[in-house]
Protein backbone atom coordinates (compact mmCIF):
# COMPACT_ATOMS: atom_id res chain seq x y z
CA MET A 1 15.87 31.21 -16.13
CA ASP A 2 19.27 29.66 -15.54
CA ASP A 3 19.63 25.95 -14.93
CA ILE A 4 21.09 25.05 -11.56
CA GLN A 5 23.98 22.63 -11.75
CA LEU A 6 24.06 20.17 -8.88
CA PRO A 7 27.29 18.64 -7.71
CA GLU A 8 27.82 15.08 -8.95
CA ARG A 9 27.61 13.77 -5.38
CA ALA A 10 24.14 15.33 -4.97
CA VAL A 11 23.01 13.79 -8.25
CA GLN A 12 24.24 10.37 -7.12
CA THR A 13 22.48 10.74 -3.77
CA ILE A 14 19.20 11.71 -5.46
CA ARG A 15 19.45 8.75 -7.84
CA LYS A 16 20.09 6.43 -4.89
CA LEU A 17 17.09 7.81 -2.98
CA PHE A 18 14.79 7.36 -5.99
CA TYR A 19 16.03 3.80 -6.42
CA GLU A 20 15.48 3.03 -2.72
CA ARG A 21 11.97 4.49 -2.96
CA GLN A 22 11.16 2.20 -5.88
CA VAL A 23 12.46 -0.83 -3.95
CA VAL A 24 10.38 0.03 -0.87
CA GLU A 25 7.23 0.63 -2.94
CA SER A 26 7.75 -2.71 -4.66
CA LYS A 27 8.19 -4.49 -1.32
CA ILE A 28 5.02 -2.88 0.06
CA SER A 29 3.07 -3.84 -3.05
CA ASN A 30 4.32 -7.44 -2.88
CA TYR A 31 3.54 -7.62 0.85
CA LEU A 32 -0.01 -6.38 0.32
CA GLN A 33 -0.53 -8.83 -2.53
CA GLY A 34 0.72 -11.59 -0.24
CA LEU A 35 -1.82 -10.59 2.41
CA ILE A 36 -4.61 -10.49 -0.16
CA ASP A 37 -3.62 -13.90 -1.50
CA SER A 38 -3.21 -15.48 1.95
CA TYR A 39 -6.65 -14.28 3.06
CA GLY A 40 -8.12 -15.59 -0.20
CA LEU A 41 -9.57 -12.17 -1.00
CA GLU A 42 -10.99 -11.38 -4.39
CA GLY A 43 -11.19 -8.11 -6.26
CA ASP A 44 -8.62 -5.41 -6.73
CA ASN A 45 -10.07 -2.65 -4.58
CA TRP A 46 -8.14 -3.58 -1.43
CA SER A 47 -5.96 -1.03 0.31
CA LEU A 48 -3.95 -0.73 3.49
CA ASP A 49 -5.29 1.69 6.10
CA THR A 50 -2.00 2.76 7.65
CA ASN A 51 -3.69 4.66 10.50
CA MET A 52 -5.33 1.48 11.80
CA MET A 53 -2.92 -1.00 10.13
CA VAL A 54 -5.78 -3.00 8.68
CA LEU A 55 -6.53 -4.28 5.20
CA ARG A 56 -9.74 -2.75 3.83
CA GLN A 57 -11.93 -3.36 0.83
CA VAL A 58 -13.90 -0.32 -0.21
CA GLU A 59 -16.98 -0.57 -2.39
CA GLU A 60 -19.34 2.17 -3.41
CA SER A 61 -22.97 1.19 -3.81
CA PRO A 62 -25.25 2.65 -6.54
CA ASN A 63 -26.76 5.09 -4.01
CA GLY A 64 -23.31 6.48 -3.18
CA VAL A 65 -22.92 4.79 0.19
CA VAL A 66 -19.38 3.61 0.75
CA LYS A 67 -19.04 0.19 2.35
CA SER A 68 -15.71 -0.70 3.89
CA ASP A 69 -14.88 -4.20 5.06
CA VAL A 70 -11.89 -4.86 7.29
CA VAL A 71 -10.13 -8.19 7.02
CA GLY A 72 -7.74 -8.65 9.94
CA THR A 73 -4.89 -6.49 10.99
CA VAL A 74 -1.57 -6.29 9.25
CA THR A 75 0.20 -6.71 12.57
CA GLY A 76 -0.54 -10.38 12.99
CA ASP A 77 -4.18 -11.49 12.79
CA SER A 78 -3.76 -14.62 10.75
CA GLY A 79 -7.27 -15.88 11.39
CA GLY A 80 -8.68 -14.32 8.23
CA LYS A 81 -11.68 -13.05 10.15
CA SER A 82 -13.93 -10.42 8.61
CA TYR A 83 -14.73 -7.44 10.75
CA GLY A 84 -16.97 -4.42 10.20
């Protein structure tokens, strides 16, 4: 199979897009860590539910039941209330 040679401009654009992706992922990670820290949450099993824009902690019990706690919304609930 022959290798496809991309124009230098395409290579530069791809490199730029990969770099921008890394920057955005880093910003999201830092933002989530800031939320976790500001709510005083413990544990590392927190994730962002982007459909509901809420911060969730998911735990699986020994019997396989998944428990999911919601701690405020990402869009501005600064009360640190626990829902769910």
